[in-house]
Amino acid sequence: MSEIITEAWRKYLIQLQTHPLRTKAITAGCLAGCSDIVAQKISGIKNLQSRRLILIMLYGLVYAGPFGHFLHKLMDIIFRGKKGNKTVAKKVLLEQLTSSPWNNMFFMMYYGLVVEGRPWGFVKNKVRKDYPSVQLTAWKFWPMVGWINYQYMPLQFRVLFHSFVASCWAIFLNLKARSVAVKKA
């Protein structure tokens, strides 16, 4: 069994080196899909909602993976040759003030408009109402993830690490949403 895993990892690393954007996009899509399957089961959905699953996977494949790939390349260009805690702190701060607010708002709009198929007015009001608390909660958690990512992860693994943590984060948010719904019932 360990030989199979070792060989799969070796082949993954080859793909990551030879086709980094494609590999990161596919990885982000797969992890988003796994996260959504778990989230659907946790929220009590009996039959898997395949349309929702495909749209969440598409988000990871087409947006999250490529965005992360180019974001981390850009960060390395901006901070080329600079290392140390001060540089890591600047990267985390820059990420949290730029891509974090954008990504949270974009996901909320994508989920409402595309995944749920809601009208623009409904989604706009929901984003206006929920976005501040979503972003404030993200700022309590994601800076730590960013620190670990920039301090310890090699560039080629940053999107993988971020996508994995994002999958766990999505499951956590689903559990939290479910507990709020149960309390209200």
N, C-alpha and C. Protein backbone atom coordinates (compact mmCIF):
# COMPACT_ATOMS: atom_id res chain seq x y z
N MET A 1 0.83 -1.20 0.00
CA MET A 1 0.00 0.00 0.00
C MET A 1 0.87 1.27 0.00
N SER A 2 1.91 1.27 0.82
CA SER A 2 2.75 2.47 0.88
C SER A 2 3.49 2.70 -0.44
N GLU A 3 3.77 1.61 -1.19
CA GLU A 3 4.43 1.79 -2.49
C GLU A 3 3.49 2.51 -3.47
N ILE A 4 2.22 2.18 -3.39
CA ILE A 4 1.23 2.81 -4.27
C ILE A 4 1.14 4.30 -3.96
N ILE A 5 1.08 4.63 -2.68
CA ILE A 5 1.00 6.04 -2.27
C ILE A 5 2.28 6.78 -2.65
N THR A 6 3.42 6.16 -2.42
CA THR A 6 4.69 6.77 -2.76
C THR A 6 4.79 7.03 -4.26
N GLU A 7 4.37 6.07 -5.05
CA GLU A 7 4.41 6.23 -6.51
C GLU A 7 3.43 7.30 -6.98
N ALA A 8 2.23 7.32 -6.39
CA ALA A 8 1.25 8.35 -6.75
C ALA A 8 1.78 9.74 -6.42
N TRP A 9 2.41 9.88 -5.26
CA TRP A 9 2.98 11.17 -4.84
C TRP A 9 4.11 11.58 -5.78
N ARG A 10 4.93 10.62 -6.18
CA ARG A 10 6.04 10.90 -7.11
C ARG A 10 5.48 11.40 -8.44
N LYS A 11 4.45 10.76 -8.93
CA LYS A 11 3.84 11.17 -10.20
C LYS A 11 3.16 12.54 -10.06
N TYR A 12 2.54 12.79 -8.92
CA TYR A 12 1.93 14.09 -8.66
C TYR A 12 3.00 15.19 -8.70
N LEU A 13 4.13 14.95 -8.04
CA LEU A 13 5.23 15.93 -8.02
C LEU A 13 5.77 16.20 -9.43
N ILE A 14 5.83 15.16 -10.24
CA ILE A 14 6.27 15.35 -11.63
C ILE A 14 5.29 16.25 -12.36
N GLN A 15 3.99 15.99 -12.20
CA GLN A 15 2.97 16.83 -12.83
C GLN A 15 3.04 18.26 -12.30
N LEU A 16 3.28 18.40 -11.01
CA LEU A 16 3.38 19.72 -10.40
C LEU A 16 4.55 20.50 -10.98
N GLN A 17 5.62 19.81 -11.28
CA GLN A 17 6.80 20.46 -11.85
C GLN A 17 6.64 20.75 -13.34
N THR A 18 6.06 19.80 -14.08
CA THR A 18 5.96 19.98 -15.53
C THR A 18 4.74 20.79 -15.94
N HIS A 19 3.66 20.70 -15.19
CA HIS A 19 2.42 21.43 -15.50
C HIS A 19 1.85 22.05 -14.22
N PRO A 20 2.53 23.05 -13.66
CA PRO A 20 2.12 23.56 -12.34
C PRO A 20 0.71 24.16 -12.30
N LEU A 21 0.36 24.97 -13.27
CA LEU A 21 -0.96 25.61 -13.25
C LEU A 21 -2.07 24.56 -13.37
N ARG A 22 -1.96 23.68 -14.33
CA ARG A 22 -2.97 22.65 -14.52
C ARG A 22 -3.09 21.76 -13.28
N THR A 23 -1.96 21.36 -12.72
CA THR A 23 -1.98 20.47 -11.56
C THR A 23 -2.61 21.15 -10.34
N LYS A 24 -2.27 22.41 -10.12
CA LYS A 24 -2.85 23.15 -8.99
C LYS A 24 -4.35 23.37 -9.19
N ALA A 25 -4.76 23.65 -10.43
CA ALA A 25 -6.18 23.85 -10.72
C ALA A 25 -6.97 22.56 -10.47
N ILE A 26 -6.46 21.44 -10.98
CA ILE A 26 -7.14 20.16 -10.78
C ILE A 26 -7.17 19.79 -9.31
N THR A 27 -6.07 20.02 -8.61
CA THR A 27 -6.01 19.73 -7.17
C THR A 27 -7.02 20.56 -6.41
N ALA A 28 -7.09 21.85 -6.70
CA ALA A 28 -8.05 22.73 -6.01
C ALA A 28 -9.48 22.29 -6.30
N GLY A 29 -9.75 21.89 -7.54
CA GLY A 29 -11.08 21.42 -7.89
C GLY A 29 -11.45 20.14 -7.14
N CYS A 30 -10.52 19.20 -7.08
CA CYS A 30 -10.77 17.93 -6.37
C CYS A 30 -10.97 18.15 -4.89
N LEU A 31 -10.13 19.00 -4.28
CA LEU A 31 -10.27 19.27 -2.85
C LEU A 31 -11.57 20.01 -2.55
N ALA A 32 -11.95 20.94 -3.42
CA ALA A 32 -13.23 21.63 -3.23
C ALA A 32 -14.38 20.64 -3.32
N GLY A 33 -14.28 19.70 -4.25
CA GLY A 33 -15.31 18.66 -4.37
C GLY A 33 -15.40 17.78 -3.15
N CYS A 34 -14.25 17.33 -2.66
CA CYS A 34 -14.24 16.50 -1.43
C CYS A 34 -14.86 17.26 -0.27
N SER A 35 -14.49 18.52 -0.15
CA SER A 35 -15.04 19.35 0.91
C SER A 35 -16.55 19.47 0.80
N ASP A 36 -17.05 19.65 -0.42
CA ASP A 36 -18.49 19.80 -0.60
C ASP A 36 -19.23 18.50 -0.30
N ILE A 37 -18.64 17.38 -0.66
CA ILE A 37 -19.28 16.09 -0.34
C ILE A 37 -19.42 15.95 1.18
N VAL A 38 -18.34 16.24 1.90
CA VAL A 38 -18.39 16.15 3.37
C VAL A 38 -19.40 17.16 3.91
N ALA A 39 -19.37 18.39 3.38
CA ALA A 39 -20.28 19.43 3.84
C ALA A 39 -21.75 19.03 3.60
N GLN A 40 -22.03 18.45 2.46
CA GLN A 40 -23.41 18.02 2.18
C GLN A 40 -23.83 16.93 3.16
N LYS A 41 -22.96 15.99 3.45
CA LYS A 41 -23.30 14.91 4.39
C LYS A 41 -23.50 15.47 5.80
N ILE A 42 -22.62 16.37 6.21
CA ILE A 42 -22.73 16.97 7.54
C ILE A 42 -24.04 17.74 7.68
N SER A 43 -24.43 18.45 6.61
CA SER A 43 -25.64 19.26 6.70
C SER A 43 -26.92 18.45 6.58
N GLY A 44 -26.78 17.13 6.46
CA GLY A 44 -27.95 16.27 6.49
C GLY A 44 -28.59 16.00 5.14
N ILE A 45 -27.94 16.39 4.07
CA ILE A 45 -28.48 16.13 2.74
C ILE A 45 -28.38 14.64 2.47
N LYS A 46 -29.51 14.01 2.20
CA LYS A 46 -29.56 12.55 2.02
C LYS A 46 -28.94 12.13 0.69
N ASN A 47 -29.40 12.74 -0.40
CA ASN A 47 -28.87 12.42 -1.73
C ASN A 47 -27.91 13.53 -2.17
N LEU A 48 -26.74 13.13 -2.58
CA LEU A 48 -25.73 14.08 -3.00
C LEU A 48 -26.27 14.98 -4.11
N GLN A 49 -26.11 16.29 -3.93
CA GLN A 49 -26.53 17.25 -4.94
C GLN A 49 -25.41 17.40 -5.96
N SER A 50 -25.50 16.64 -7.04
CA SER A 50 -24.40 16.58 -8.00
C SER A 50 -24.18 17.91 -8.73
N ARG A 51 -25.24 18.65 -9.01
CA ARG A 51 -25.06 19.96 -9.66
C ARG A 51 -24.24 20.88 -8.78
N ARG A 52 -24.58 20.95 -7.51
CA ARG A 52 -23.84 21.77 -6.56
C ARG A 52 -22.38 21.32 -6.49
N LEU A 53 -22.17 20.01 -6.40
CA LEU A 53 -20.82 19.45 -6.33
C LEU A 53 -20.00 19.85 -7.55
N ILE A 54 -20.57 19.71 -8.73
CA ILE A 54 -19.85 20.05 -9.96
C ILE A 54 -19.52 21.54 -10.00
N LEU A 55 -20.45 22.38 -9.58
CA LEU A 55 -20.22 23.82 -9.60
C LEU A 55 -19.15 24.24 -8.59
N ILE A 56 -19.12 23.58 -7.44
CA ILE A 56 -18.07 23.86 -6.44
C ILE A 56 -16.72 23.39 -6.97
N MET A 57 -16.69 22.21 -7.59
CA MET A 57 -15.44 21.72 -8.18
C MET A 57 -14.97 22.66 -9.29
N LEU A 58 -15.91 23.15 -10.07
CA LEU A 58 -15.58 24.08 -11.15
C LEU A 58 -14.97 25.37 -10.59
N TYR A 59 -15.50 25.84 -9.47
CA TYR A 59 -14.94 27.02 -8.81
C TYR A 59 -13.47 26.78 -8.45
N GLY A 60 -13.17 25.63 -7.87
CA GLY A 60 -11.79 25.31 -7.51
C GLY A 60 -10.91 25.18 -8.73
N LEU A 61 -11.41 24.50 -9.76
CA LEU A 61 -10.65 24.24 -10.97
C LEU A 61 -10.37 25.51 -11.78
N VAL A 62 -11.42 26.30 -12.00
CA VAL A 62 -11.31 27.44 -12.90
C VAL A 62 -10.85 28.72 -12.19
N TYR A 63 -11.21 28.86 -10.92
CA TYR A 63 -10.87 30.11 -10.23
C TYR A 63 -9.84 29.93 -9.10
N ALA A 64 -10.16 29.15 -8.09
CA ALA A 64 -9.33 29.12 -6.88
C ALA A 64 -7.91 28.62 -7.15
N GLY A 65 -7.78 27.52 -7.88
CA GLY A 65 -6.45 27.00 -8.18
C GLY A 65 -5.60 27.97 -8.98
N PRO A 66 -6.11 28.44 -10.14
CA PRO A 66 -5.34 29.42 -10.92
C PRO A 66 -5.07 30.72 -10.16
N PHE A 67 -6.07 31.22 -9.42
CA PHE A 67 -5.85 32.45 -8.66
C PHE A 67 -4.71 32.27 -7.67
N GLY A 68 -4.72 31.16 -6.93
CA GLY A 68 -3.65 30.89 -5.97
C GLY A 68 -2.30 30.75 -6.65
N HIS A 69 -2.27 30.08 -7.79
CA HIS A 69 -1.01 29.90 -8.53
C HIS A 69 -0.39 31.26 -8.85
N PHE A 70 -1.19 32.15 -9.44
CA PHE A 70 -0.66 33.45 -9.84
C PHE A 70 -0.43 34.37 -8.65
N LEU A 71 -1.25 34.27 -7.62
CA LEU A 71 -1.03 35.08 -6.42
C LEU A 71 0.33 34.78 -5.80
N HIS A 72 0.64 33.51 -5.63
CA HIS A 72 1.89 33.15 -4.98
C HIS A 72 3.10 33.45 -5.87
N LYS A 73 2.94 33.34 -7.16
CA LYS A 73 4.02 33.75 -8.06
C LYS A 73 4.25 35.26 -7.95
N LEU A 74 3.15 36.02 -7.90
CA LEU A 74 3.26 37.47 -7.78
C LEU A 74 3.92 37.87 -6.46
N MET A 75 3.52 37.20 -5.38
CA MET A 75 4.13 37.50 -4.08
C MET A 75 5.63 37.25 -4.12
N ASP A 76 6.05 36.19 -4.79
CA ASP A 76 7.48 35.92 -4.88
C ASP A 76 8.20 36.96 -5.75
N ILE A 77 7.51 37.51 -6.73
CA ILE A 77 8.10 38.58 -7.55
C ILE A 77 8.21 39.86 -6.72
N ILE A 78 7.14 40.21 -6.02
CA ILE A 78 7.13 41.43 -5.22
C ILE A 78 8.20 41.39 -4.14
N PHE A 79 8.35 40.23 -3.51
CA PHE A 79 9.29 40.10 -2.39
C PHE A 79 10.52 39.27 -2.78
N ARG A 80 10.92 39.35 -4.04
CA ARG A 80 12.04 38.56 -4.57
C ARG A 80 13.29 38.72 -3.70
N GLY A 81 13.81 37.58 -3.29
CA GLY A 81 15.06 37.55 -2.55
C GLY A 81 14.96 37.96 -1.10
N LYS A 82 13.79 38.37 -0.66
CA LYS A 82 13.63 38.81 0.72
C LYS A 82 13.10 37.65 1.55
N LYS A 83 13.70 37.45 2.69
CA LYS A 83 13.28 36.36 3.57
C LYS A 83 13.16 36.90 5.00
N GLY A 84 12.76 36.05 5.89
CA GLY A 84 12.67 36.43 7.29
C GLY A 84 11.25 36.75 7.72
N ASN A 85 11.10 36.89 9.03
CA ASN A 85 9.78 37.11 9.62
C ASN A 85 9.12 38.40 9.15
N LYS A 86 9.92 39.43 8.96
CA LYS A 86 9.36 40.71 8.53
C LYS A 86 8.74 40.58 7.12
N THR A 87 9.42 39.88 6.25
CA THR A 87 8.91 39.67 4.89
C THR A 87 7.66 38.80 4.91
N VAL A 88 7.68 37.75 5.72
CA VAL A 88 6.50 36.88 5.84
C VAL A 88 5.32 37.70 6.34
N ALA A 89 5.54 38.54 7.34
CA ALA A 89 4.47 39.38 7.88
C ALA A 89 3.92 40.32 6.80
N LYS A 90 4.78 40.88 5.97
CA LYS A 90 4.33 41.76 4.88
C LYS A 90 3.50 40.98 3.86
N LYS A 91 3.93 39.76 3.53
CA LYS A 91 3.18 38.93 2.59
C LYS A 91 1.79 38.61 3.14
N VAL A 92 1.76 38.23 4.41
CA VAL A 92 0.47 37.89 5.04
C VAL A 92 -0.43 39.12 5.06
N LEU A 93 0.12 40.26 5.44
CA LEU A 93 -0.67 41.50 5.49
C LEU A 93 -1.20 41.87 4.11
N LEU A 94 -0.33 41.81 3.10
CA LEU A 94 -0.75 42.13 1.75
C LEU A 94 -1.85 41.18 1.27
N GLU A 95 -1.67 39.90 1.53
CA GLU A 95 -2.69 38.92 1.13
C GLU A 95 -4.01 39.18 1.85
N GLN A 96 -3.95 39.47 3.13
CA GLN A 96 -5.18 39.66 3.91
C GLN A 96 -5.91 40.96 3.56
N LEU A 97 -5.18 41.94 3.06
CA LEU A 97 -5.82 43.22 2.70
C LEU A 97 -6.27 43.28 1.24
N THR A 98 -5.82 42.32 0.43
CA THR A 98 -6.18 42.34 -0.99
C THR A 98 -6.97 41.10 -1.39
N SER A 99 -6.31 39.97 -1.46
CA SER A 99 -6.97 38.79 -2.01
C SER A 99 -8.01 38.19 -1.06
N SER A 100 -7.81 38.29 0.24
CA SER A 100 -8.79 37.73 1.16
C SER A 100 -10.16 38.40 1.03
N PRO A 101 -10.24 39.73 1.08
CA PRO A 101 -11.57 40.35 0.91
C PRO A 101 -12.18 40.04 -0.46
N TRP A 102 -11.36 40.11 -1.50
CA TRP A 102 -11.87 39.82 -2.85
C TRP A 102 -12.38 38.39 -2.94
N ASN A 103 -11.58 37.42 -2.48
CA ASN A 103 -11.98 36.01 -2.61
C ASN A 103 -13.24 35.70 -1.82
N ASN A 104 -13.37 36.25 -0.64
CA ASN A 104 -14.58 35.99 0.15
C ASN A 104 -15.81 36.57 -0.53
N MET A 105 -15.70 37.79 -1.03
CA MET A 105 -16.84 38.41 -1.70
C MET A 105 -17.16 37.66 -3.00
N PHE A 106 -16.13 37.32 -3.76
CA PHE A 106 -16.34 36.62 -5.02
C PHE A 106 -17.01 35.26 -4.78
N PHE A 107 -16.54 34.52 -3.76
CA PHE A 107 -17.15 33.22 -3.48
C PHE A 107 -18.61 33.37 -3.07
N MET A 108 -18.90 34.36 -2.22
CA MET A 108 -20.28 34.56 -1.80
C MET A 108 -21.18 34.87 -2.99
N MET A 109 -20.68 35.68 -3.92
CA MET A 109 -21.47 36.00 -5.10
C MET A 109 -21.60 34.78 -6.01
N TYR A 110 -20.52 34.06 -6.22
CA TYR A 110 -20.55 32.85 -7.05
C TYR A 110 -21.54 31.83 -6.47
N TYR A 111 -21.43 31.61 -5.16
CA TYR A 111 -22.30 30.62 -4.54
C TYR A 111 -23.77 31.01 -4.67
N GLY A 112 -24.06 32.27 -4.40
CA GLY A 112 -25.45 32.72 -4.48
C GLY A 112 -26.00 32.73 -5.90
N LEU A 113 -25.24 33.31 -6.83
CA LEU A 113 -25.71 33.45 -8.21
C LEU A 113 -25.65 32.15 -8.99
N VAL A 114 -24.52 31.44 -8.89
CA VAL A 114 -24.30 30.27 -9.75
C VAL A 114 -24.76 28.98 -9.08
N VAL A 115 -24.27 28.72 -7.87
CA VAL A 115 -24.58 27.45 -7.21
C VAL A 115 -26.05 27.40 -6.80
N GLU A 116 -26.51 28.45 -6.12
CA GLU A 116 -27.91 28.45 -5.66
C GLU A 116 -28.88 28.98 -6.71
N GLY A 117 -28.37 29.71 -7.72
CA GLY A 117 -29.24 30.24 -8.77
C GLY A 117 -30.16 31.35 -8.30
N ARG A 118 -29.73 32.11 -7.31
CA ARG A 118 -30.55 33.20 -6.76
C ARG A 118 -30.46 34.44 -7.64
N PRO A 119 -31.45 35.31 -7.59
CA PRO A 119 -31.38 36.56 -8.36
C PRO A 119 -30.36 37.53 -7.76
N TRP A 120 -29.87 38.45 -8.63
CA TRP A 120 -28.83 39.39 -8.24
C TRP A 120 -29.23 40.20 -7.00
N GLY A 121 -30.44 40.70 -6.93
CA GLY A 121 -30.86 41.52 -5.79
C GLY A 121 -30.78 40.76 -4.47
N PHE A 122 -31.21 39.51 -4.48
CA PHE A 122 -31.13 38.67 -3.28
C PHE A 122 -29.67 38.47 -2.85
N VAL A 123 -28.82 38.13 -3.81
CA VAL A 123 -27.40 37.86 -3.52
C VAL A 123 -26.72 39.13 -3.02
N LYS A 124 -27.00 40.25 -3.67
CA LYS A 124 -26.41 41.53 -3.27
C LYS A 124 -26.76 41.85 -1.82
N ASN A 125 -28.03 41.67 -1.45
CA ASN A 125 -28.45 41.94 -0.07
C ASN A 125 -27.82 40.97 0.91
N LYS A 126 -27.73 39.69 0.52
CA LYS A 126 -27.11 38.70 1.40
C LYS A 126 -25.63 39.00 1.62
N VAL A 127 -24.95 39.37 0.54
CA VAL A 127 -23.53 39.72 0.66
C VAL A 127 -23.39 40.96 1.54
N ARG A 128 -24.22 41.95 1.31
CA ARG A 128 -24.16 43.17 2.11
C ARG A 128 -24.36 42.86 3.60
N LYS A 129 -25.27 41.93 3.89
CA LYS A 129 -25.58 41.58 5.27
C LYS A 129 -24.49 40.68 5.90
N ASP A 130 -24.05 39.66 5.17
CA ASP A 130 -23.17 38.64 5.75
C ASP A 130 -21.68 38.87 5.53
N TYR A 131 -21.32 39.64 4.51
CA TYR A 131 -19.90 39.79 4.18
C TYR A 131 -19.05 40.32 5.34
N PRO A 132 -19.46 41.37 6.05
CA PRO A 132 -18.59 41.87 7.12
C PRO A 132 -18.22 40.80 8.16
N SER A 133 -19.19 40.00 8.60
CA SER A 133 -18.86 38.98 9.60
C SER A 133 -18.02 37.86 9.00
N VAL A 134 -18.27 37.52 7.73
CA VAL A 134 -17.45 36.50 7.07
C VAL A 134 -16.00 36.97 6.99
N GLN A 135 -15.80 38.22 6.57
CA GLN A 135 -14.44 38.74 6.43
C GLN A 135 -13.76 38.87 7.79
N LEU A 136 -14.47 39.35 8.79
CA LEU A 136 -13.86 39.46 10.12
C LEU A 136 -13.48 38.10 10.68
N THR A 137 -14.32 37.10 10.46
CA THR A 137 -13.99 35.74 10.89
C THR A 137 -12.78 35.22 10.12
N ALA A 138 -12.72 35.49 8.84
CA ALA A 138 -11.57 35.07 8.03
C ALA A 138 -10.29 35.70 8.55
N TRP A 139 -10.35 36.95 8.95
CA TRP A 139 -9.15 37.63 9.45
C TRP A 139 -8.69 37.08 10.80
N LYS A 140 -9.54 36.33 11.47
CA LYS A 140 -9.12 35.69 12.73
C LYS A 140 -8.40 34.37 12.48
N PHE A 141 -8.65 33.75 11.32
CA PHE A 141 -8.11 32.43 11.05
C PHE A 141 -7.02 32.42 9.98
N TRP A 142 -7.29 33.06 8.84
CA TRP A 142 -6.41 32.92 7.68
C TRP A 142 -5.03 33.55 7.81
N PRO A 143 -4.82 34.60 8.62
CA PRO A 143 -3.44 35.09 8.76
C PRO A 143 -2.48 34.02 9.30
N MET A 144 -2.97 33.17 10.20
CA MET A 144 -2.14 32.09 10.71
C MET A 144 -1.80 31.10 9.60
N VAL A 145 -2.79 30.79 8.77
CA VAL A 145 -2.56 29.89 7.63
C VAL A 145 -1.57 30.52 6.67
N GLY A 146 -1.74 31.81 6.39
CA GLY A 146 -0.81 32.52 5.51
C GLY A 146 0.60 32.51 6.05
N TRP A 147 0.73 32.71 7.35
CA TRP A 147 2.06 32.70 7.98
C TRP A 147 2.74 31.34 7.76
N ILE A 148 2.03 30.28 8.06
CA ILE A 148 2.58 28.93 7.87
C ILE A 148 2.93 28.72 6.39
N ASN A 149 2.04 29.14 5.52
CA ASN A 149 2.24 28.96 4.08
C ASN A 149 3.49 29.67 3.60
N TYR A 150 3.65 30.94 3.94
CA TYR A 150 4.80 31.71 3.46
C TYR A 150 6.09 31.37 4.20
N GLN A 151 5.98 30.98 5.44
CA GLN A 151 7.18 30.69 6.23
C GLN A 151 7.75 29.30 5.94
N TYR A 152 6.87 28.32 5.76
CA TYR A 152 7.35 26.94 5.71
C TYR A 152 7.11 26.19 4.40
N MET A 153 6.16 26.64 3.59
CA MET A 153 5.83 25.90 2.37
C MET A 153 6.65 26.39 1.19
N PRO A 154 7.25 25.45 0.45
CA PRO A 154 7.89 25.85 -0.81
C PRO A 154 6.82 26.37 -1.77
N LEU A 155 7.21 27.23 -2.68
CA LEU A 155 6.27 27.87 -3.60
C LEU A 155 5.34 26.87 -4.29
N GLN A 156 5.86 25.74 -4.75
CA GLN A 156 5.03 24.80 -5.51
C GLN A 156 3.96 24.12 -4.67
N PHE A 157 4.08 24.16 -3.33
CA PHE A 157 3.10 23.51 -2.46
C PHE A 157 2.12 24.49 -1.81
N ARG A 158 2.27 25.78 -2.05
CA ARG A 158 1.43 26.77 -1.36
C ARG A 158 -0.04 26.66 -1.74
N VAL A 159 -0.33 26.46 -3.02
CA VAL A 159 -1.74 26.34 -3.43
C VAL A 159 -2.33 25.04 -2.88
N LEU A 160 -1.56 23.97 -2.90
CA LEU A 160 -2.02 22.69 -2.35
C LEU A 160 -2.35 22.84 -0.86
N PHE A 161 -1.43 23.45 -0.11
CA PHE A 161 -1.66 23.66 1.32
C PHE A 161 -2.89 24.54 1.56
N HIS A 162 -2.96 25.64 0.83
CA HIS A 162 -4.08 26.56 0.98
C HIS A 162 -5.40 25.88 0.61
N SER A 163 -5.40 25.11 -0.47
CA SER A 163 -6.63 24.42 -0.89
C SER A 163 -7.06 23.38 0.13
N PHE A 164 -6.09 22.68 0.72
CA PHE A 164 -6.41 21.69 1.75
C PHE A 164 -7.03 22.37 2.97
N VAL A 165 -6.41 23.45 3.43
CA VAL A 165 -6.94 24.16 4.59
C VAL A 165 -8.31 24.77 4.25
N ALA A 166 -8.46 25.28 3.03
CA ALA A 166 -9.74 25.84 2.61
C ALA A 166 -10.83 24.77 2.63
N SER A 167 -10.48 23.54 2.28
CA SER A 167 -11.45 22.44 2.33
C SER A 167 -11.90 22.18 3.76
N CYS A 168 -10.95 22.16 4.67
CA CYS A 168 -11.28 21.97 6.09
C CYS A 168 -12.09 23.16 6.62
N TRP A 169 -11.71 24.37 6.21
CA TRP A 169 -12.42 25.58 6.61
C TRP A 169 -13.88 25.54 6.15
N ALA A 170 -14.11 25.08 4.92
CA ALA A 170 -15.47 24.99 4.39
C ALA A 170 -16.30 24.00 5.20
N ILE A 171 -15.69 22.90 5.60
CA ILE A 171 -16.41 21.92 6.42
C ILE A 171 -16.75 22.54 7.78
N PHE A 172 -15.78 23.25 8.36
CA PHE A 172 -16.02 23.94 9.64
C PHE A 172 -17.17 24.94 9.52
N LEU A 173 -17.15 25.75 8.46
CA LEU A 173 -18.21 26.74 8.28
C LEU A 173 -19.57 26.07 8.11
N ASN A 174 -19.58 24.94 7.42
CA ASN A 174 -20.83 24.21 7.25
C ASN A 174 -21.34 23.68 8.58
N LEU A 175 -20.44 23.15 9.40
CA LEU A 175 -20.82 22.69 10.74
C LEU A 175 -21.37 23.84 11.57
N LYS A 176 -20.70 24.98 11.48
CA LYS A 176 -21.15 26.15 12.23
C LYS A 176 -22.53 26.60 11.76
N ALA A 177 -22.72 26.66 10.46
CA ALA A 177 -24.02 27.05 9.91
C ALA A 177 -25.11 26.06 10.33
N ARG A 178 -24.76 24.81 10.36
CA ARG A 178 -25.73 23.78 10.75
C ARG A 178 -26.10 23.91 12.23
N SER A 179 -25.11 24.19 13.09
CA SER A 179 -25.41 24.33 14.51
C SER A 179 -26.28 25.54 14.77
N VAL A 180 -26.08 26.62 14.01
CA VAL A 180 -26.93 27.82 14.14
C VAL A 180 -28.35 27.47 13.70
N ALA A 181 -28.49 26.71 12.61
CA ALA A 181 -29.81 26.31 12.12
C ALA A 181 -30.52 25.41 13.11
N VAL A 182 -29.78 24.49 13.74
CA VAL A 182 -30.37 23.58 14.73
C VAL A 182 -30.84 24.37 15.96
N LYS A 183 -30.03 25.35 16.39
CA LYS A 183 -30.41 26.18 17.55
C LYS A 183 -31.68 26.96 17.27
N LYS A 184 -31.85 27.43 16.02
CA LYS A 184 -33.02 28.23 15.67
C LYS A 184 -34.28 27.36 15.57
N ALA A 185 -34.08 26.06 15.29
CA ALA A 185 -35.24 25.17 15.10
C ALA A 185 -35.88 24.76 16.40
